[in-house]
Amino acid sequence: MPPAVVRDDGLAELLELPAGAPLGVGGIDFVPTELTLPPGSILVLYTDGLVEARCADIDQRLTQLLDVLSANSGLSLDGLSQAVVDGLAPAPDDDVALLLARICPPKPGSE
């Protein structure tokens, strides 16, 4: 599943990165990717169980994820996480893992 980012202005989008092993699968080589995100952005990593559902097309579910992220971008990370889970329910037919990380500005002198 492609990671998502919520920009500081509240816009959520999927990141276009090379395909790799699903989050949580071990024992498979992967190619690390570096990207620069502006301070205040939120990186969103999740398993396919969050967006795959028998009742909906995957593209619809990814759009739904982005809509929920954008609409709730001002919440705390805990609140945003709960909004995502609630907004995509009742679909989880699988285990779900969701990781949100806010990008903080570097500390002075740490570069």
C-alpha atoms as a PDB file:
ATOM      1  CA  MET A   1       0.000   0.000   0.000  1.00  0.00           C
ATOM      2  CA  PRO A   2       1.375   3.417  -0.851  1.00  0.00           C
ATOM      3  CA  PRO A   3       2.197   5.618   2.120  1.00  0.00           C
ATOM      4  CA  ALA A   4       0.214   8.824   2.456  1.00  0.00           C
ATOM      5  CA  VAL A   5       1.279  12.236   3.635  1.00  0.00           C
ATOM      6  CA  VAL A   6      -0.862  14.968   5.118  1.00  0.00           C
ATOM      7  CA  ARG A   7       0.731  18.322   4.323  1.00  0.00           C
ATOM      8  CA  ASP A   8       0.733  21.157   6.825  1.00  0.00           C
ATOM      9  CA  ASP A   9      -2.090  22.817   4.839  1.00  0.00           C
ATOM     10  CA  GLY A  10      -4.296  19.719   5.388  1.00  0.00           C
ATOM     11  CA  LEU A  11      -3.996  18.269   1.875  1.00  0.00           C
ATOM     12  CA  ALA A  12      -3.574  14.481   1.946  1.00  0.00           C
ATOM     13  CA  GLU A  13      -1.991  12.593  -0.919  1.00  0.00           C
ATOM     14  CA  LEU A  14      -0.491   9.209  -1.681  1.00  0.00           C
ATOM     15  CA  LEU A  15       3.269   9.071  -2.149  1.00  0.00           C
ATOM     16  CA  GLU A  16       4.533   7.547  -5.374  1.00  0.00           C
ATOM     17  CA  LEU A  17       7.294   5.203  -4.288  1.00  0.00           C
ATOM     18  CA  PRO A  18       8.733   2.011  -5.760  1.00  0.00           C
ATOM     19  CA  ALA A  19       6.635  -1.055  -4.927  1.00  0.00           C
ATOM     20  CA  GLY A  20       7.981  -3.226  -2.158  1.00  0.00           C
ATOM     21  CA  ALA A  21       7.016  -5.846   0.384  1.00  0.00           C
ATOM     22  CA  PRO A  22       3.908  -5.118   2.459  1.00  0.00           C
ATOM     23  CA  LEU A  23       4.387  -3.441   5.825  1.00  0.00           C
ATOM     24  CA  GLY A  24       5.163  -6.076   8.443  1.00  0.00           C
ATOM     25  CA  VAL A  25       6.511  -8.774   6.108  1.00  0.00           C
ATOM     26  CA  GLY A  26       9.976  -9.851   7.155  1.00  0.00           C
ATOM     27  CA  GLY A  27      12.802 -11.674   5.441  1.00  0.00           C
ATOM     28  CA  ILE A  28      12.486  -9.775   2.157  1.00  0.00           C
ATOM     29  CA  ASP A  29      15.073  -7.334   0.849  1.00  0.00           C
ATOM     30  CA  PHE A  30      13.875  -3.795   0.321  1.00  0.00           C
ATOM     31  CA  VAL A  31      15.292  -0.637  -1.141  1.00  0.00           C
ATOM     32  CA  PRO A  32      15.262   2.310   1.279  1.00  0.00           C
ATOM     33  CA  THR A  33      13.852   5.550  -0.052  1.00  0.00           C
ATOM     34  CA  GLU A  34      14.607   8.996   1.284  1.00  0.00           C
ATOM     35  CA  LEU A  35      12.281  11.930   0.884  1.00  0.00           C
ATOM     36  CA  THR A  36      11.995  15.335   2.421  1.00  0.00           C
ATOM     37  CA  LEU A  37       8.702  16.338   3.978  1.00  0.00           C
ATOM     38  CA  PRO A  38       8.032  19.814   5.327  1.00  0.00           C
ATOM     39  CA  PRO A  39       7.763  20.266   9.106  1.00  0.00           C
ATOM     40  CA  GLY A  40       4.227  19.713  10.329  1.00  0.00           C
ATOM     41  CA  SER A  41       3.484  17.055   7.720  1.00  0.00           C
ATOM     42  CA  ILE A  42       2.143  13.695   8.855  1.00  0.00           C
ATOM     43  CA  LEU A  43       3.449  10.468   7.341  1.00  0.00           C
ATOM     44  CA  VAL A  44       0.783   7.744   7.227  1.00  0.00           C
ATOM     45  CA  LEU A  45       1.758   4.072   6.966  1.00  0.00           C
ATOM     46  CA  TYR A  46      -0.883   1.339   7.035  1.00  0.00           C
ATOM     47  CA  THR A  47      -1.500  -2.270   6.130  1.00  0.00           C
ATOM     48  CA  ASP A  48      -3.820  -3.381   3.343  1.00  0.00           C
ATOM     49  CA  GLY A  49      -6.399  -4.452   5.918  1.00  0.00           C
ATOM     50  CA  LEU A  50      -7.294  -0.787   6.432  1.00  0.00           C
ATOM     51  CA  VAL A  51      -8.308  -0.133   2.832  1.00  0.00           C
ATOM     52  CA  GLU A  52      -9.175  -3.488   1.292  1.00  0.00           C
ATOM     53  CA  ALA A  53     -12.830  -4.411   1.569  1.00  0.00           C
ATOM     54  CA  ARG A  54     -15.037  -6.892  -0.248  1.00  0.00           C
ATOM     55  CA  CYS A  55     -17.730  -4.251  -0.687  1.00  0.00           C
ATOM     56  CA  ALA A  56     -15.629  -1.533  -2.356  1.00  0.00           C
ATOM     57  CA  ASP A  57     -13.019  -0.944  -5.026  1.00  0.00           C
ATOM     58  CA  ILE A  58      -9.478  -0.331  -3.686  1.00  0.00           C
ATOM     59  CA  ASP A  59      -9.255   3.031  -5.468  1.00  0.00           C
ATOM     60  CA  GLN A  60     -12.478   4.134  -3.766  1.00  0.00           C
ATOM     61  CA  ARG A  61     -11.096   3.097  -0.400  1.00  0.00           C
ATOM     62  CA  LEU A  62      -7.798   4.933  -0.970  1.00  0.00           C
ATOM     63  CA  THR A  63      -9.757   8.053  -1.935  1.00  0.00           C
ATOM     64  CA  GLN A  64     -11.855   7.599   1.202  1.00  0.00           C
ATOM     65  CA  LEU A  65      -8.654   7.372   3.280  1.00  0.00           C
ATOM     66  CA  LEU A  66      -7.342  10.618   1.775  1.00  0.00           C
ATOM     67  CA  ASP A  67     -10.695  12.343   2.359  1.00  0.00           C
ATOM     68  CA  VAL A  68     -10.728  11.307   6.035  1.00  0.00           C
ATOM     69  CA  LEU A  69      -7.111  12.410   6.503  1.00  0.00           C
ATOM     70  CA  SER A  70      -7.751  15.810   4.894  1.00  0.00           C
ATOM     71  CA  ALA A  71     -10.997  16.429   6.772  1.00  0.00           C
ATOM     72  CA  ASN A  72      -9.398  15.644  10.139  1.00  0.00           C
ATOM     73  CA  SER A  73      -5.853  16.947   9.634  1.00  0.00           C
ATOM     74  CA  GLY A  74      -6.121  19.421  12.519  1.00  0.00           C
ATOM     75  CA  LEU A  75      -6.642  16.695  15.118  1.00  0.00           C
ATOM     76  CA  SER A  76      -3.961  15.238  17.359  1.00  0.00           C
ATOM     77  CA  LEU A  77      -2.270  12.090  16.065  1.00  0.00           C
ATOM     78  CA  ASP A  78      -4.467  10.004  18.387  1.00  0.00           C
ATOM     79  CA  GLY A  79      -7.585  11.795  17.166  1.00  0.00           C
ATOM     80  CA  LEU A  80      -6.585  11.480  13.517  1.00  0.00           C
ATOM     81  CA  SER A  81      -5.842   7.790  13.967  1.00  0.00           C
ATOM     82  CA  GLN A  82      -9.283   7.225  15.506  1.00  0.00           C
ATOM     83  CA  ALA A  83     -10.936   9.262  12.732  1.00  0.00           C
ATOM     84  CA  VAL A  84      -9.244   7.085  10.090  1.00  0.00           C
ATOM     85  CA  VAL A  85     -10.327   3.836  11.742  1.00  0.00           C
ATOM     86  CA  ASP A  86     -13.869   5.147  12.277  1.00  0.00           C
ATOM     87  CA  GLY A  87     -14.060   6.647   8.782  1.00  0.00           C
ATOM     88  CA  LEU A  88     -13.082   3.435   7.063  1.00  0.00           C
ATOM     89  CA  ALA A  89     -15.271   1.151   9.192  1.00  0.00           C
ATOM     90  CA  PRO A  90     -16.960  -1.283   8.946  1.00  0.00           C
ATOM     91  CA  ALA A  91     -14.670  -2.607   6.247  1.00  0.00           C
ATOM     92  CA  PRO A  92     -11.787  -4.246   8.059  1.00  0.00           C
ATOM     93  CA  ASP A  93     -12.009  -7.861   6.967  1.00  0.00           C
ATOM     94  CA  ASP A  94      -8.383  -8.266   8.003  1.00  0.00           C
ATOM     95  CA  ASP A  95      -5.985  -7.143  10.707  1.00  0.00           C
ATOM     96  CA  VAL A  96      -5.181  -3.446  10.551  1.00  0.00           C
ATOM     97  CA  ALA A  97      -1.995  -1.589  11.449  1.00  0.00           C
ATOM     98  CA  LEU A  98      -1.834   2.197  11.229  1.00  0.00           C
ATOM     99  CA  LEU A  99       1.199   4.361  11.990  1.00  0.00           C
ATOM    100  CA  LEU A 100       1.109   8.161  11.980  1.00  0.00           C
ATOM    101  CA  ALA A 101       4.285  10.215  12.416  1.00  0.00           C
ATOM    102  CA  ARG A 102       4.414  14.017  12.519  1.00  0.00           C
ATOM    103  CA  ILE A 103       7.508  15.542  10.945  1.00  0.00           C
ATOM    104  CA  CYS A 104       9.070  17.972  13.407  1.00  0.00           C
ATOM    105  CA  PRO A 105      11.566  20.690  12.486  1.00  0.00           C
ATOM    106  CA  PRO A 106      15.189  19.808  13.192  1.00  0.00           C
ATOM    107  CA  LYS A 107      16.626  21.046  16.467  1.00  0.00           C
ATOM    108  CA  PRO A 108      19.059  23.927  16.069  1.00  0.00           C
ATOM    109  CA  GLY A 109      22.593  22.669  15.560  1.00  0.00           C
ATOM    110  CA  SER A 110      21.526  19.082  14.813  1.00  0.00           C
ATOM    111  CA  GLU A 111      22.270  19.237  11.089  1.00  0.00           C
END
